[in-house]
């Protein structure tokens, strides 16, 4: 089933065995997310090794994304594991408290008291519990419960409207980047960045950690802080893509603001030639149910219609009962949504100017493929950038990125409407064209006589794409 939108799956206790992972990849998983908020370094190394093994057995290039925990601000632990907070009761958050009870609980983010003032609203446990700050005394934050409920160990804290000063990269994140580079994670997702500077620092750390392995990952900024919204273009400029992380973002800006923000973020990313992943609670009910709700089906379909590169699962595949069924359902929804898309490629090219030869070739390939109704667009690419640029525009012609570099093929697994394959290409252009056709014929992607559009350039030179050719398959 040809599908343009990619699927990112989070693996965990429910999906870290070889059989389940194989089933998920065969069902349509394109990228595997390792959540560094849980588990030890060796757990992630073992899972990455398993992903590489299973992907090879399935004949697929699967990207691995290392998702950093970031400065998750949480309450401490309670004597009984949890308490029930009543509306109107006083409750204290204390940076020096060891064990909590009905009246008080500790904090793992010791600087929180200095970030707050009277009247601030704190949202706990993804906004299910609401506290209003009455006063701050030393290490203690005195609050009144506005919305009560059950509060258990280590639940997260957000400040309504944002404004917490915690740095995007913690000491744990820096160590986790080293771990991720040891198994050559293709993508690193940075949690809670507030500015482009956060992404620059994360990239520098990843490049340094990856240097002994000859590896440089692509960087994804998770947009989940209110402060990130006004800085979105700056963050995009210093990232390779963004994740529309709707959980923490919704807590800070309000649920009602998120759908419009999602559309805006995806549009801005596409205009900046960057990748987008839409995440959080997409198929939440499938943690315990074998089928999604109609609302979840609409949510995934709307993200596809917004133009997202990928949709993502979290607990559904990490700890849920139906990991494979979740991927199957998501793939089917994406496929159906894509069938309803309206392709108007010419409008995308109005007032477009090019600063690079390879970018103009990419646009030329799209324009030609759209009007000639060819069977496929083929990019012979070193870095994958030509395929990425072409994937920023909706076209009902599949794009195939053929590259001699395995790392490029894996990274391109996240690009919308791009299928990446390894091909050790000849230095001679005519030979490279023949090798590309032979591969597509062998895979059953094209037949003799089909028309394809091919782009290529100087082999071994990143960004060197400088030629476009219309080819009738089989006529070398």
Protein backbone atom coordinates (compact mmCIF):
# COMPACT_ATOMS: atom_id res chain seq x y z
CA UNK A 1 0.00 0.00 0.00
CA UNK A 2 1.65 3.21 -1.21
CA UNK A 3 1.50 5.75 1.61
CA UNK A 4 3.08 9.21 1.71
CA UNK A 5 2.71 9.99 5.43
CA UNK A 6 5.22 8.23 7.65
CA UNK A 7 4.56 6.54 10.99
CA UNK A 8 6.81 6.99 14.03
CA UNK A 9 6.33 4.28 16.66
CA UNK A 10 7.54 4.45 20.26
CA UNK A 11 8.81 1.13 21.55
CA UNK A 12 8.74 0.03 25.17
CA UNK A 13 7.82 -3.01 27.28
CA UNK A 14 4.96 -4.01 24.97
CA UNK A 15 6.98 -3.87 21.76
CA UNK A 16 10.64 -4.56 22.47
CA UNK A 17 10.59 -8.21 21.45
CA UNK A 18 11.62 -9.33 17.97
CA UNK A 19 8.22 -10.73 16.94
CA UNK A 20 6.19 -7.63 17.88
CA UNK A 21 8.71 -5.23 16.37
CA UNK A 22 8.75 -7.25 13.13
CA UNK A 23 4.96 -7.11 12.95
CA UNK A 24 4.92 -3.35 13.52
CA UNK A 25 7.50 -2.73 10.79
CA UNK A 26 5.60 -4.95 8.36
CA UNK A 27 2.39 -3.12 9.33
CA UNK A 28 3.93 0.20 8.29
CA UNK A 29 6.27 1.65 10.93
CA UNK A 30 8.92 3.86 9.30
CA UNK A 31 10.73 5.34 12.32
CA UNK A 32 11.30 3.91 15.81
CA UNK A 33 11.35 6.33 18.74
CA UNK A 34 13.36 5.52 21.85
CA UNK A 35 11.99 7.52 24.77
CA UNK A 36 14.91 8.46 27.03
CA UNK A 37 12.48 9.52 29.79
CA UNK A 38 12.33 5.84 30.68
CA UNK A 39 14.93 3.12 31.01
CA UNK A 40 18.70 2.95 31.35
CA UNK A 41 21.35 3.59 28.69
CA UNK A 42 21.85 -0.13 28.06
CA UNK A 43 18.10 -0.58 27.50
CA UNK A 44 18.22 1.90 24.62
CA UNK A 45 21.39 0.39 23.17
CA UNK A 46 19.78 -3.07 23.22
CA UNK A 47 16.59 -1.78 21.59
CA UNK A 48 18.52 0.08 18.89
CA UNK A 49 20.46 -3.10 18.11
CA UNK A 50 17.18 -5.01 17.84
CA UNK A 51 15.68 -2.36 15.52
CA UNK A 52 18.66 -2.58 13.17
CA UNK A 53 18.48 -6.39 13.15
CA UNK A 54 14.73 -6.57 12.52
CA UNK A 55 14.77 -3.80 9.88
CA UNK A 56 17.48 -5.63 7.95
CA UNK A 57 15.48 -8.88 8.13
CA UNK A 58 12.42 -7.01 6.80
CA UNK A 59 14.43 -5.42 4.00
CA UNK A 60 13.60 -1.90 5.23
CA UNK A 61 15.61 1.18 6.13
CA UNK A 62 14.13 2.25 9.47
CA UNK A 63 15.22 5.48 11.15
CA UNK A 64 15.87 5.59 14.91
CA UNK A 65 14.90 8.68 16.89
CA UNK A 66 16.40 9.31 20.33
CA UNK A 67 13.91 11.46 22.25
CA UNK A 68 15.59 13.30 25.13
CA UNK A 69 13.76 13.72 28.43
CA UNK A 70 14.56 17.40 28.90
CA UNK A 71 13.77 19.36 32.06
CA UNK A 72 10.55 17.60 32.97
CA UNK A 73 9.41 19.43 36.09
CA UNK A 74 7.72 17.04 38.51
CA UNK A 75 6.44 16.69 42.04
CA UNK A 76 8.26 14.26 44.34
CA UNK A 77 6.95 11.10 45.99
CA UNK A 78 4.15 10.63 48.54
CA UNK A 79 4.17 8.47 51.67
CA UNK A 80 1.24 6.43 50.30
CA UNK A 81 2.14 6.86 46.62
CA UNK A 82 -0.72 9.31 46.01
CA UNK A 83 -3.13 11.79 47.63
CA UNK A 84 -6.60 13.10 46.81
CA UNK A 85 -6.66 16.89 46.63
CA UNK A 86 -9.95 18.68 47.36
CA UNK A 87 -11.04 21.94 45.73
CA UNK A 88 -10.28 24.91 48.01
CA UNK A 89 -7.74 23.15 50.24
CA UNK A 90 -4.25 24.63 50.80
CA UNK A 91 -1.35 22.63 49.34
CA UNK A 92 2.40 23.29 49.53
CA UNK A 93 5.09 22.49 46.97
CA UNK A 94 8.41 22.43 48.83
CA UNK A 95 11.79 22.12 47.10
CA UNK A 96 13.28 20.74 50.35
CA UNK A 97 10.52 18.26 51.26
CA UNK A 98 11.61 14.60 51.16
CA UNK A 99 8.29 12.71 51.30
CA UNK A 100 4.86 14.18 50.59
CA UNK A 101 1.44 13.85 52.24
CA UNK A 102 -2.02 15.43 52.02
CA UNK A 103 -0.63 18.90 52.79
CA UNK A 104 2.79 19.05 51.09
CA UNK A 105 5.00 17.44 48.44
CA UNK A 106 8.58 17.84 47.24
CA UNK A 107 9.91 19.04 43.87
CA UNK A 108 12.60 17.63 41.62
CA UNK A 109 13.07 21.10 40.05
CA UNK A 110 14.51 23.05 42.98
CA UNK A 111 14.44 26.42 41.17
CA UNK A 112 10.65 26.46 40.73
CA UNK A 113 9.97 28.83 43.69
CA UNK A 114 12.06 31.60 42.12
CA UNK A 115 10.12 31.32 38.82
CA UNK A 116 6.72 32.00 40.39
CA UNK A 117 4.71 34.93 41.73
CA UNK A 118 1.33 35.40 43.44
CA UNK A 119 -1.55 34.55 41.14
CA UNK A 120 0.37 32.16 38.88
CA UNK A 121 -1.56 29.05 37.86
CA UNK A 122 0.16 25.67 38.06
CA UNK A 123 -1.15 22.71 36.07
CA UNK A 124 -0.26 19.24 37.37
CA UNK A 125 -0.69 15.82 35.79
CA UNK A 126 -1.26 17.20 32.24
CA UNK A 127 -3.65 19.86 33.50
CA UNK A 128 -6.01 17.59 35.41
CA UNK A 129 -5.13 19.33 38.69
CA UNK A 130 -4.99 23.14 38.95
CA UNK A 131 -3.26 25.09 41.74
CA UNK A 132 -3.17 28.87 42.26
CA UNK A 133 -0.07 30.38 43.87
CA UNK A 134 -0.93 32.34 47.04
CA UNK A 135 2.62 33.17 48.16
CA UNK A 136 6.22 31.99 47.89
CA UNK A 137 8.36 31.67 51.04
CA UNK A 138 11.90 30.43 50.59
CA UNK A 139 11.74 26.90 49.22
CA UNK A 140 7.96 26.69 49.67
CA UNK A 141 5.18 27.51 47.18
CA UNK A 142 1.88 27.95 49.02
CA UNK A 143 -1.11 27.27 46.76
CA UNK A 144 -4.87 26.77 46.82
CA UNK A 145 -6.40 23.89 44.90
CA UNK A 146 -8.70 25.24 42.16
CA UNK A 147 -9.36 21.87 40.51
CA UNK A 148 -8.78 18.80 42.66
CA UNK A 149 -8.25 15.12 41.98
CA UNK A 150 -5.81 12.31 42.52
CA UNK A 151 -2.13 13.29 42.49
CA UNK A 152 0.44 10.51 42.47
CA UNK A 153 4.24 10.28 42.52
CA UNK A 154 6.35 12.18 39.99
CA UNK A 155 3.54 13.87 38.06
CA UNK A 156 4.54 16.77 35.82
CA UNK A 157 4.09 20.49 36.57
CA UNK A 158 3.48 23.26 34.01
CA UNK A 159 2.96 26.98 34.53
CA UNK A 160 -0.02 28.27 32.59
CA UNK A 161 1.33 30.56 29.88
CA UNK A 162 4.86 29.17 30.22
CA UNK A 163 7.76 31.13 31.64
CA UNK A 164 9.77 28.52 33.58
CA UNK A 165 13.52 29.10 33.31
CA UNK A 166 14.68 25.46 33.18
CA UNK A 167 17.30 24.94 30.47
CA UNK A 168 16.32 22.72 27.55
CA UNK A 169 19.33 20.42 28.00
CA UNK A 170 19.99 18.78 31.36
CA UNK A 171 23.07 16.85 32.47
CA UNK A 172 21.12 13.64 31.84
CA UNK A 173 20.33 14.78 28.28
CA UNK A 174 24.02 15.38 27.58
CA UNK A 175 24.87 11.84 28.67
CA UNK A 176 21.91 10.47 26.70
CA UNK A 177 23.18 12.21 23.54
CA UNK A 178 26.45 10.27 23.93
CA UNK A 179 24.50 7.03 24.28
CA UNK A 180 22.40 7.84 21.21
CA UNK A 181 25.47 8.57 19.11
CA UNK A 182 27.05 5.25 20.14
CA UNK A 183 24.36 3.45 18.11
CA UNK A 184 24.16 6.21 15.47
CA UNK A 185 20.64 7.46 16.13
CA UNK A 186 19.42 9.09 12.93
CA UNK A 187 17.39 11.76 14.72
CA UNK A 188 17.70 13.44 18.12
CA UNK A 189 14.51 15.06 19.47
CA UNK A 190 15.16 17.91 21.91
CA UNK A 191 12.49 18.48 24.57
CA UNK A 192 11.29 21.95 25.64
CA UNK A 193 13.55 24.19 23.49
CA UNK A 194 12.72 27.88 23.89
CA UNK A 195 14.98 29.35 21.21
CA UNK A 196 17.24 28.59 18.28
CA UNK A 197 20.19 28.75 20.69
CA UNK A 198 18.91 25.64 22.48
CA UNK A 199 18.94 23.76 19.16
CA UNK A 200 22.39 25.05 18.21
CA UNK A 201 23.80 23.77 21.51
CA UNK A 202 22.09 20.39 21.13
CA UNK A 203 23.44 20.00 17.58
CA UNK A 204 26.97 20.89 18.67
CA UNK A 205 26.84 18.31 21.48
CA UNK A 206 25.46 15.65 19.13
CA UNK A 207 28.07 16.35 16.44
CA UNK A 208 30.90 16.17 18.98
CA UNK A 209 29.53 12.95 20.49
CA UNK A 210 29.02 11.46 17.02
CA UNK A 211 32.48 12.38 15.72
CA UNK A 212 34.22 9.15 16.86
CA UNK A 213 31.55 7.20 14.95
CA UNK A 214 31.63 9.40 11.84
CA UNK A 215 28.00 10.28 12.41
CA UNK A 216 25.90 13.45 12.44
CA UNK A 217 22.21 13.14 13.34
CA UNK A 218 19.35 15.35 12.23
CA UNK A 219 17.83 17.46 15.01
CA UNK A 220 14.12 17.67 15.83
CA UNK A 221 12.78 20.46 18.08
CA UNK A 222 9.79 19.43 20.20
CA UNK A 223 7.46 22.42 20.37
CA UNK A 224 5.89 22.09 23.81
CA UNK A 225 6.55 25.39 25.59
CA UNK A 226 4.50 28.57 25.21
CA UNK A 227 7.76 30.52 24.73
CA UNK A 228 8.60 28.42 21.67
CA UNK A 229 5.66 29.77 19.67
CA UNK A 230 6.93 33.35 19.11
CA UNK A 231 10.42 31.91 18.49
CA UNK A 232 9.17 29.26 16.05
CA UNK A 233 10.91 30.55 12.91
CA UNK A 234 14.20 30.94 14.78
CA UNK A 235 13.88 27.38 16.11
CA UNK A 236 13.04 26.08 12.62
CA UNK A 237 16.09 27.84 11.16
CA UNK A 238 18.37 25.92 13.54
CA UNK A 239 16.59 22.54 13.35
CA UNK A 240 16.01 19.89 10.71
CA UNK A 241 12.40 19.51 11.78
CA UNK A 242 9.87 20.00 14.55
CA UNK A 243 7.55 17.80 16.56
CA UNK A 244 4.10 19.22 17.25
CA UNK A 245 4.12 17.91 20.83
CA UNK A 246 0.52 18.61 21.73
CA UNK A 247 0.57 17.34 25.33
CA UNK A 248 2.68 19.82 27.29
CA UNK A 249 1.94 22.54 24.73
CA UNK A 250 -1.81 22.19 25.31
CA UNK A 251 -1.29 22.43 29.08
CA UNK A 252 0.60 25.71 28.71
CA UNK A 253 -1.44 27.45 25.97
CA UNK A 254 -4.84 25.73 26.42
CA UNK A 255 -6.42 22.87 24.48
CA UNK A 256 -8.48 25.16 22.27
CA UNK A 257 -5.40 26.91 20.85
CA UNK A 258 -3.62 23.73 19.73
CA UNK A 259 -5.45 22.79 16.46
CA UNK A 260 -4.76 26.17 14.85
CA UNK A 261 -1.17 26.12 16.15
CA UNK A 262 -0.70 22.65 14.66
CA UNK A 263 -1.73 23.89 11.21
CA UNK A 264 0.46 26.96 11.51
CA UNK A 265 3.52 24.97 12.64
CA UNK A 266 3.20 22.44 9.83
CA UNK A 267 2.76 25.21 7.24
CA UNK A 268 5.79 27.14 8.54
CA UNK A 269 7.94 24.01 8.60
CA UNK A 270 7.03 23.06 5.03
CA UNK A 271 7.76 26.61 3.85
CA UNK A 272 11.17 26.35 5.57
CA UNK A 273 11.89 22.94 3.94
CA UNK A 274 11.82 21.27 7.34
CA UNK A 275 10.20 18.04 8.60
CA UNK A 276 7.15 17.82 10.88
CA UNK A 277 5.96 15.08 13.22
CA UNK A 278 2.51 15.33 14.81
CA UNK A 279 2.36 13.62 18.19
CA UNK A 280 0.50 12.98 21.47
CA UNK A 281 -2.70 11.01 22.07
CA UNK A 282 -3.31 10.35 18.38
CA UNK A 283 -4.63 6.82 19.03
CA UNK A 284 -4.81 7.01 22.85
CA UNK A 285 -7.83 4.70 23.23
CA UNK A 286 -5.90 1.88 21.52
CA UNK A 287 -3.79 1.48 24.65
CA UNK A 288 -6.68 -0.71 25.84
CA UNK A 289 -9.02 -1.02 22.82
CA UNK A 290 -8.45 -2.86 19.54
CA UNK A 291 -10.03 -0.09 17.42
CA UNK A 292 -9.64 3.71 17.52
CA UNK A 293 -12.44 6.17 18.24
CA UNK A 294 -13.92 8.20 15.38
CA UNK A 295 -12.42 11.32 16.94
CA UNK A 296 -8.94 9.73 16.80
CA UNK A 297 -9.46 8.73 13.17
CA UNK A 298 -10.35 12.35 12.37
CA UNK A 299 -7.35 13.63 14.34
CA UNK A 300 -4.86 11.50 12.38
CA UNK A 301 -6.57 12.27 9.06
CA UNK A 302 -6.52 16.02 9.73
CA UNK A 303 -2.80 15.93 10.51
CA UNK A 304 -2.27 14.19 7.15
CA UNK A 305 -4.37 16.81 5.37
CA UNK A 306 -2.39 19.55 7.16
CA UNK A 307 0.70 18.15 5.40
CA UNK A 308 2.59 16.57 8.31
CA UNK A 309 5.49 14.31 7.36
CA UNK A 310 4.68 11.81 10.08
CA UNK A 311 2.20 10.88 12.76
CA UNK A 312 3.46 9.35 16.00
CA UNK A 313 2.40 6.84 18.60
CA UNK A 314 3.48 6.97 22.25
CA UNK A 315 2.02 4.69 24.94
CA UNK A 316 -0.20 3.01 22.30
CA UNK A 317 2.78 1.00 21.04
CA UNK A 318 5.16 1.34 24.00
CA UNK A 319 2.92 -0.15 26.69
CA UNK A 320 -0.49 -0.72 25.09
CA UNK A 321 -2.25 -4.01 24.43
CA UNK A 322 -2.48 -3.59 20.65
CA UNK A 323 0.79 -2.19 19.24
CA UNK A 324 0.55 -3.85 15.81
CA UNK A 325 -3.14 -3.08 15.40
CA UNK A 326 -2.40 0.57 16.21
CA UNK A 327 0.14 0.81 13.38
CA UNK A 328 -2.21 -0.98 10.98
CA UNK A 329 -5.07 1.39 11.83
CA UNK A 330 -2.86 4.46 11.54
CA UNK A 331 -1.53 3.33 8.14
CA UNK A 332 -5.05 2.76 6.84
CA UNK A 333 -6.21 6.20 8.02
CA UNK A 334 -3.22 7.92 6.38
CA UNK A 335 -3.85 6.07 3.12
CA UNK A 336 -7.52 7.06 3.01
CA UNK A 337 -6.82 10.69 3.92
CA UNK A 338 -4.19 10.99 1.19
CA UNK A 339 -6.66 9.75 -1.43
CA UNK A 340 -8.80 12.83 -0.79
CA UNK A 341 -5.97 15.35 -1.16
CA UNK A 342 -6.30 18.03 -3.82
CA UNK A 343 -3.05 18.43 -5.76
CA UNK A 344 -2.45 21.93 -7.14
CA UNK A 345 1.28 21.96 -7.58
CA UNK A 346 1.53 24.95 -9.94
CA UNK A 347 0.36 27.33 -7.22
CA UNK A 348 3.37 26.30 -5.10
CA UNK A 349 5.76 27.69 -7.73
CA UNK A 350 4.36 31.20 -7.96
CA UNK A 351 6.92 33.82 -6.90
CA UNK A 352 9.47 31.13 -5.92
CA UNK A 353 13.11 32.09 -6.34
CA UNK A 354 16.06 29.71 -6.18
CA UNK A 355 19.46 30.33 -4.65
CA UNK A 356 20.87 26.87 -5.39
CA UNK A 357 21.14 24.77 -8.55
CA UNK A 358 20.12 21.56 -6.78
CA UNK A 359 16.98 23.23 -5.40
CA UNK A 360 15.93 24.47 -8.85
CA UNK A 361 16.47 20.94 -10.25
CA UNK A 362 14.22 19.55 -7.51
CA UNK A 363 11.44 21.98 -8.41
CA UNK A 364 11.92 21.28 -12.11
CA UNK A 365 11.51 17.55 -11.47
CA UNK A 366 8.24 18.14 -9.60
CA UNK A 367 6.85 20.39 -12.32
CA UNK A 368 7.77 17.93 -15.07
CA UNK A 369 6.44 14.88 -13.20
CA UNK A 370 3.16 16.65 -12.39
CA UNK A 371 2.42 17.61 -15.99
CA UNK A 372 3.75 14.48 -17.71
CA UNK A 373 1.98 12.15 -15.22
CA UNK A 374 5.09 9.97 -14.86
CA UNK A 375 5.23 6.76 -12.82
CA UNK A 376 7.92 7.92 -10.38
CA UNK A 377 10.43 10.62 -9.50
CA UNK A 378 13.90 9.24 -8.85
CA UNK A 379 16.55 11.25 -7.01
CA UNK A 380 20.11 9.90 -7.18
CA UNK A 381 21.28 11.67 -4.06
CA UNK A 382 24.22 11.79 -1.68
CA UNK A 383 22.76 13.89 1.16
CA UNK A 384 19.05 13.39 0.50
CA UNK A 385 18.38 17.14 0.27
CA UNK A 386 16.93 16.95 -3.26
CA UNK A 387 14.38 14.35 -2.13
CA UNK A 388 13.59 16.44 0.96
CA UNK A 389 12.88 19.58 -1.09
CA UNK A 390 10.62 17.64 -3.45
CA UNK A 391 8.75 16.12 -0.50
CA UNK A 392 7.74 19.59 0.75
CA UNK A 393 5.11 19.76 -2.01
CA UNK A 394 2.03 17.55 -2.33
CA UNK A 395 2.22 15.47 -5.49
CA UNK A 396 0.59 12.14 -6.25
CA UNK A 397 3.79 10.79 -7.81
CA UNK A 398 6.00 8.70 -5.48
CA UNK A 399 9.55 9.93 -4.89
CA UNK A 400 12.41 7.43 -4.63
CA UNK A 401 15.69 8.52 -3.05
CA UNK A 402 18.49 6.24 -4.24
CA UNK A 403 21.66 6.82 -2.29
CA UNK A 404 25.01 5.10 -1.71
CA UNK A 405 24.90 6.18 1.95
CA UNK A 406 22.96 4.05 4.43
CA UNK A 407 22.71 6.98 6.86
CA UNK A 408 20.96 9.08 4.18
CA UNK A 409 18.54 6.26 3.38
CA UNK A 410 17.62 5.93 7.06
CA UNK A 411 17.10 9.66 7.57
CA UNK A 412 14.92 9.87 4.46
CA UNK A 413 12.60 7.28 6.03
CA UNK A 414 10.90 10.25 7.75
CA UNK A 415 10.36 12.38 4.61
CA UNK A 416 6.77 12.51 3.38
CA UNK A 417 6.18 10.62 0.09
CA UNK A 418 9.82 9.47 -0.12
CA UNK A 419 10.95 5.86 -0.26
CA UNK A 420 14.69 5.54 0.29
CA UNK A 421 16.88 2.71 -0.97
CA UNK A 422 20.59 2.08 -1.03
CA UNK A 423 22.25 2.00 -4.45
CA UNK A 424 25.99 2.02 -5.02
CA UNK A 425 25.99 4.24 -8.07
CA UNK A 426 28.51 4.42 -10.89
CA UNK A 427 30.52 7.60 -11.37
CA UNK A 428 29.26 7.70 -14.98
CA UNK A 429 25.83 9.28 -15.34
CA UNK A 430 24.54 6.86 -17.99
CA UNK A 431 25.63 3.86 -15.93
CA UNK A 432 24.02 5.34 -12.82
CA UNK A 433 20.74 5.80 -14.73
CA UNK A 434 20.82 2.17 -15.85
CA UNK A 435 21.55 0.97 -12.29
CA UNK A 436 18.62 3.02 -10.97
CA UNK A 437 16.22 1.61 -13.57
CA UNK A 438 17.38 -1.94 -12.91
CA UNK A 439 16.74 -1.53 -9.18
CA UNK A 440 13.23 -0.11 -9.72
CA UNK A 441 12.41 -2.92 -12.18
CA UNK A 442 13.72 -5.56 -9.77
CA UNK A 443 11.56 -4.12 -6.95
CA UNK A 444 8.46 -4.11 -9.19
CA UNK A 445 8.09 -0.34 -8.78
CA UNK A 446 8.11 0.34 -12.53
CA UNK A 447 7.67 -1.66 -15.73
CA UNK A 448 9.44 -1.36 -19.06
CA UNK A 449 8.00 1.53 -21.01
CA UNK A 450 7.02 3.57 -17.93
CA UNK A 451 8.09 7.21 -17.84
CA UNK A 452 10.14 8.44 -14.89
CA UNK A 453 11.90 11.69 -14.03
CA UNK A 454 15.46 11.32 -12.73
CA UNK A 455 17.70 13.88 -11.00
CA UNK A 456 21.40 13.37 -10.35
CA UNK A 457 24.73 15.14 -10.04
CA UNK A 458 28.36 14.51 -9.18
CA UNK A 459 28.66 11.34 -7.10
CA UNK A 460 30.44 11.86 -3.78
CA UNK A 461 29.48 15.53 -3.68
CA UNK A 462 26.77 16.61 -1.25
CA UNK A 463 24.43 19.20 -2.77
CA UNK A 464 25.79 18.52 -6.25
CA UNK A 465 22.52 17.65 -8.04
CA UNK A 466 22.65 19.54 -11.34
CA UNK A 467 20.85 17.43 -13.96
CA UNK A 468 17.33 16.26 -14.78
CA UNK A 469 16.29 13.71 -17.35
CA UNK A 470 12.97 12.23 -18.53
CA UNK A 471 13.50 8.52 -19.05
CA UNK A 472 11.43 5.75 -20.61
CA UNK A 473 12.29 2.70 -18.52
CA UNK A 474 14.18 0.00 -20.42
CA UNK A 475 15.55 2.29 -23.10
CA UNK A 476 19.15 2.68 -21.95
